[in-house]
Amino acid sequence: MITETEMQRILTVLKNPRDRAFISSLYDSGCRIEELITLKNRDISFDQYGSYFQLRERLVTERSGLWAVQLPCPCS
């Protein structure tokens, strides 16, 4: 497991906002890489608190739900 301090160190090293958002989303949601890369625009929404995405799993197990993920600001 990666601690929160280690995760912050990883995010500070990443310069590309896309990479930071991808790694942060994986860490915060606990989803699989395949689940994250198959997201569609309709699965992602934004509000004043951050972004939310809904995972749609094709397997029989129930993991679908909403996860609040605070993505790094692309302007920093």
Protein backbone atom coordinates (compact mmCIF):
# COMPACT_ATOMS: atom_id res chain seq x y z
CA MET A 1 0.00 0.00 0.00
CA ILE A 2 1.10 3.53 -0.73
CA THR A 3 0.78 6.02 2.10
CA GLU A 4 -0.74 9.43 1.54
CA THR A 5 2.68 11.05 2.00
CA GLU A 6 4.18 8.80 -0.68
CA MET A 7 1.28 9.62 -2.98
CA GLN A 8 1.85 13.35 -2.51
CA ARG A 9 5.53 12.86 -3.39
CA ILE A 10 4.58 10.98 -6.55
CA LEU A 11 2.13 13.70 -7.59
CA THR A 12 4.69 16.47 -7.07
CA VAL A 13 7.13 14.68 -9.41
CA LEU A 14 4.58 14.33 -12.21
CA LYS A 15 4.54 17.45 -14.40
CA ASN A 16 1.83 16.52 -16.91
CA PRO A 17 -1.66 17.38 -15.54
CA ARG A 18 -3.14 14.39 -17.39
CA ASP A 19 -0.73 12.01 -15.65
CA ARG A 20 -1.39 13.60 -12.26
CA ALA A 21 -5.15 13.28 -12.74
CA PHE A 22 -4.83 9.65 -13.88
CA ILE A 23 -2.62 8.54 -10.96
CA SER A 24 -4.68 10.53 -8.44
CA SER A 25 -7.91 8.98 -9.73
CA LEU A 26 -6.48 5.47 -9.49
CA TYR A 27 -5.31 6.09 -5.93
CA ASP A 28 -8.45 7.84 -4.66
CA SER A 29 -11.00 5.48 -6.21
CA GLY A 30 -9.17 2.18 -5.96
CA CYS A 31 -10.41 1.30 -9.43
CA ARG A 32 -8.54 -0.83 -11.93
CA ILE A 33 -6.64 0.76 -14.80
CA GLU A 34 -9.03 -0.76 -17.34
CA GLU A 35 -12.02 0.72 -15.51
CA LEU A 36 -10.48 4.18 -15.60
CA ILE A 37 -9.36 4.16 -19.24
CA THR A 38 -12.77 2.99 -20.45
CA LEU A 39 -14.62 5.93 -18.87
CA LYS A 40 -16.76 7.96 -21.24
CA ASN A 41 -17.48 11.68 -20.98
CA ARG A 42 -21.00 10.88 -19.74
CA ASP A 43 -19.47 9.00 -16.76
CA ILE A 44 -17.66 12.11 -15.45
CA SER A 45 -19.26 15.14 -13.83
CA PHE A 46 -17.87 18.20 -12.08
CA ASP A 47 -19.18 20.42 -9.31
CA GLN A 48 -17.76 22.93 -6.83
CA TYR A 49 -16.23 20.11 -4.77
CA GLY A 50 -14.31 18.36 -7.54
CA SER A 51 -15.10 15.66 -10.05
CA TYR A 52 -17.12 12.49 -9.85
CA PHE A 53 -17.06 9.46 -12.07
CA GLN A 54 -19.16 6.37 -12.28
CA LEU A 55 -17.45 3.05 -12.93
CA ARG A 56 -19.34 0.56 -15.04
CA GLU A 57 -18.16 -2.99 -14.52
CA ARG A 58 -18.91 -5.69 -17.03
CA LEU A 59 -18.39 -8.53 -14.60
CA VAL A 60 -21.12 -10.00 -12.42
CA THR A 61 -19.70 -8.47 -9.23
CA GLU A 62 -21.10 -5.15 -8.08
CA ARG A 63 -18.46 -2.43 -7.90
CA SER A 64 -20.36 0.27 -9.70
CA GLY A 65 -20.81 3.48 -7.79
CA LEU A 66 -19.77 7.07 -7.52
CA TRP A 67 -16.36 8.12 -6.29
CA ALA A 68 -15.47 11.69 -5.45
CA VAL A 69 -11.99 12.38 -6.71
CA GLN A 70 -10.28 15.70 -6.22
CA LEU A 71 -8.19 16.09 -9.33
CA PRO A 72 -5.09 18.28 -9.32
CA CYS A 73 -5.65 21.69 -10.82
CA PRO A 74 -4.33 21.68 -14.43
CA CYS A 75 -3.16 25.27 -14.04
CA SER A 76 -0.51 24.49 -11.42
